[in-house]
Amino acid sequence: MAIMIEGGSLVQNAVQAVRAHIRDNDLKAGDTLPGESHFAGTLGVSRAVMREAFGALAALRQIDVANGRRARVAAIDGSVMAASLDHAVSTSQISFAEVWDVRRTVELRIAELAAIRRTPAQAYN
């Protein structure tokens, strides 16, 4: 189940394992994840490592973690991507032109998928 990163830390490997679990089990937003203990046992790491991995995923808003509740797959949150892009532009790692190129590509694909997936009722509105 685990995807091991060559030279990666235990926490990085644990984060990748949780992501792989979500993907491989086709989990959707709101679905519950096994607990830290389950992953710790499966991966052969401590609960502290898993706690840190869950914290990292929560900070990225990929999972929701609340006291006394099982972790859940989080719904997408555009603010994380926006913050990353803002950081990349403000530190000259990418240019505005590159951001706009990506945006144009994504928007064209979205329009294409919307046209492909429209219902007959949507086609006439």
Protein backbone atom coordinates (compact mmCIF):
# COMPACT_ATOMS: atom_id res chain seq x y z
CA MET A 1 0.00 0.00 0.00
CA ALA A 2 2.76 2.47 0.87
CA ILE A 3 4.57 4.49 -1.72
CA MET A 4 8.08 5.01 -0.44
CA ILE A 5 9.98 8.10 -1.46
CA GLU A 6 13.66 7.39 -2.04
CA GLY A 7 15.41 9.29 0.72
CA GLY A 8 12.11 10.65 2.01
CA SER A 9 11.43 11.12 5.69
CA LEU A 10 9.09 8.83 7.59
CA VAL A 11 6.49 11.61 7.62
CA GLN A 12 6.80 12.18 3.85
CA ASN A 13 6.36 8.47 3.27
CA ALA A 14 3.36 8.39 5.62
CA VAL A 15 1.76 11.34 3.80
CA GLN A 16 2.22 9.54 0.47
CA ALA A 17 0.76 6.36 1.94
CA VAL A 18 -2.39 8.17 3.10
CA ARG A 19 -2.75 9.82 -0.32
CA ALA A 20 -2.31 6.42 -1.97
CA HIS A 21 -4.94 4.93 0.35
CA ILE A 22 -7.42 7.65 -0.63
CA ARG A 23 -6.71 7.14 -4.34
CA ASP A 24 -6.52 3.33 -4.31
CA ASN A 25 -9.76 3.00 -2.34
CA ASP A 26 -11.55 5.58 -4.48
CA LEU A 27 -12.47 7.64 -1.43
CA LYS A 28 -14.50 10.80 -1.98
CA ALA A 29 -14.87 14.04 -0.04
CA GLY A 30 -16.42 13.27 3.34
CA ASP A 31 -15.37 9.60 3.42
CA THR A 32 -13.64 8.51 6.61
CA LEU A 33 -10.06 7.32 6.79
CA PRO A 34 -8.65 4.59 8.99
CA GLY A 35 -7.13 5.99 12.17
CA GLU A 36 -3.53 6.89 12.89
CA SER A 37 -3.03 3.54 14.65
CA HIS A 38 -4.09 1.59 11.56
CA PHE A 39 -1.66 3.43 9.31
CA ALA A 40 1.10 3.27 11.94
CA GLY A 41 0.76 -0.50 12.17
CA THR A 42 0.55 -0.98 8.41
CA LEU A 43 3.56 1.24 7.71
CA GLY A 44 5.62 0.19 10.71
CA VAL A 45 5.95 3.73 12.07
CA SER A 46 4.98 5.36 15.35
CA ARG A 47 1.66 7.10 15.97
CA ALA A 48 3.65 10.33 16.38
CA VAL A 49 4.79 10.01 12.75
CA MET A 50 1.21 9.43 11.65
CA ARG A 51 -0.04 12.34 13.76
CA GLU A 52 2.46 14.59 12.00
CA ALA A 53 1.47 13.18 8.59
CA PHE A 54 -2.23 13.74 9.32
CA GLY A 55 -1.36 17.27 10.47
CA ALA A 56 0.51 17.96 7.24
CA LEU A 57 -2.41 16.71 5.15
CA ALA A 58 -4.83 18.77 7.23
CA ALA A 59 -2.67 21.88 6.73
CA LEU A 60 -2.87 21.26 2.97
CA ARG A 61 -6.63 20.83 3.44
CA GLN A 62 -6.58 17.38 1.89
CA ILE A 63 -8.10 15.80 5.00
CA ASP A 64 -10.28 17.16 7.80
CA VAL A 65 -9.19 16.27 11.32
CA ALA A 66 -11.30 17.14 14.35
CA ASN A 67 -10.84 16.16 17.99
CA GLY A 68 -12.68 12.97 18.81
CA ARG A 69 -13.60 12.25 15.20
CA ARG A 70 -12.09 10.11 12.50
CA ALA A 71 -10.19 11.93 9.79
CA ARG A 72 -12.17 12.50 6.61
CA VAL A 73 -11.24 13.23 3.03
CA ALA A 74 -11.61 16.99 2.57
CA ALA A 75 -13.44 18.75 -0.22
CA ILE A 76 -11.22 20.68 -2.60
CA ASP A 77 -10.18 24.10 -1.35
CA GLY A 78 -8.90 26.56 -3.93
CA SER A 79 -7.26 28.75 -1.28
CA VAL A 80 -4.37 26.31 -0.95
CA MET A 81 -3.60 26.48 -4.67
CA ALA A 82 -4.06 30.26 -4.64
CA ALA A 83 -1.59 30.64 -1.77
CA SER A 84 0.95 28.42 -3.53
CA LEU A 85 0.64 30.34 -6.79
CA ASP A 86 0.86 33.68 -4.98
CA HIS A 87 4.03 32.53 -3.24
CA ALA A 88 5.54 31.24 -6.50
CA VAL A 89 4.83 34.50 -8.35
CA SER A 90 5.95 36.78 -5.51
CA THR A 91 9.25 34.89 -5.22
CA SER A 92 9.80 34.91 -9.01
CA GLN A 93 9.61 31.13 -9.31
CA ILE A 94 6.96 31.48 -12.01
CA SER A 95 5.64 34.43 -13.99
CA PHE A 96 2.13 35.80 -14.36
CA ALA A 97 2.28 34.76 -18.01
CA GLU A 98 2.90 31.15 -16.98
CA VAL A 99 -0.04 31.28 -14.56
CA TRP A 100 -2.29 32.64 -17.31
CA ASP A 101 -1.10 29.94 -19.74
CA VAL A 102 -2.05 27.24 -17.25
CA ARG A 103 -5.37 28.94 -16.51
CA ARG A 104 -6.22 29.12 -20.22
CA THR A 105 -5.38 25.42 -20.66
CA VAL A 106 -7.50 24.40 -17.66
CA GLU A 107 -10.45 26.56 -18.71
CA LEU A 108 -10.43 25.15 -22.25
CA ARG A 109 -10.46 21.61 -20.86
CA ILE A 110 -13.29 22.50 -18.48
CA ALA A 111 -15.36 23.89 -21.36
CA GLU A 112 -14.66 20.77 -23.41
CA LEU A 113 -15.71 18.46 -20.57
CA ALA A 114 -18.85 20.51 -19.91
CA ALA A 115 -19.85 20.17 -23.56
CA ILE A 116 -19.17 16.43 -23.57
CA ARG A 117 -21.05 15.78 -20.32
CA ARG A 118 -24.04 18.05 -20.84
CA THR A 119 -27.49 16.56 -20.70
CA PRO A 120 -30.01 17.02 -23.53
CA ALA A 121 -31.93 19.46 -21.32
CA GLN A 122 -28.80 21.54 -20.76
CA ALA A 123 -28.12 21.67 -24.50
CA TYR A 124 -31.36 23.57 -25.12
CA ASN A 125 -31.07 26.11 -22.29
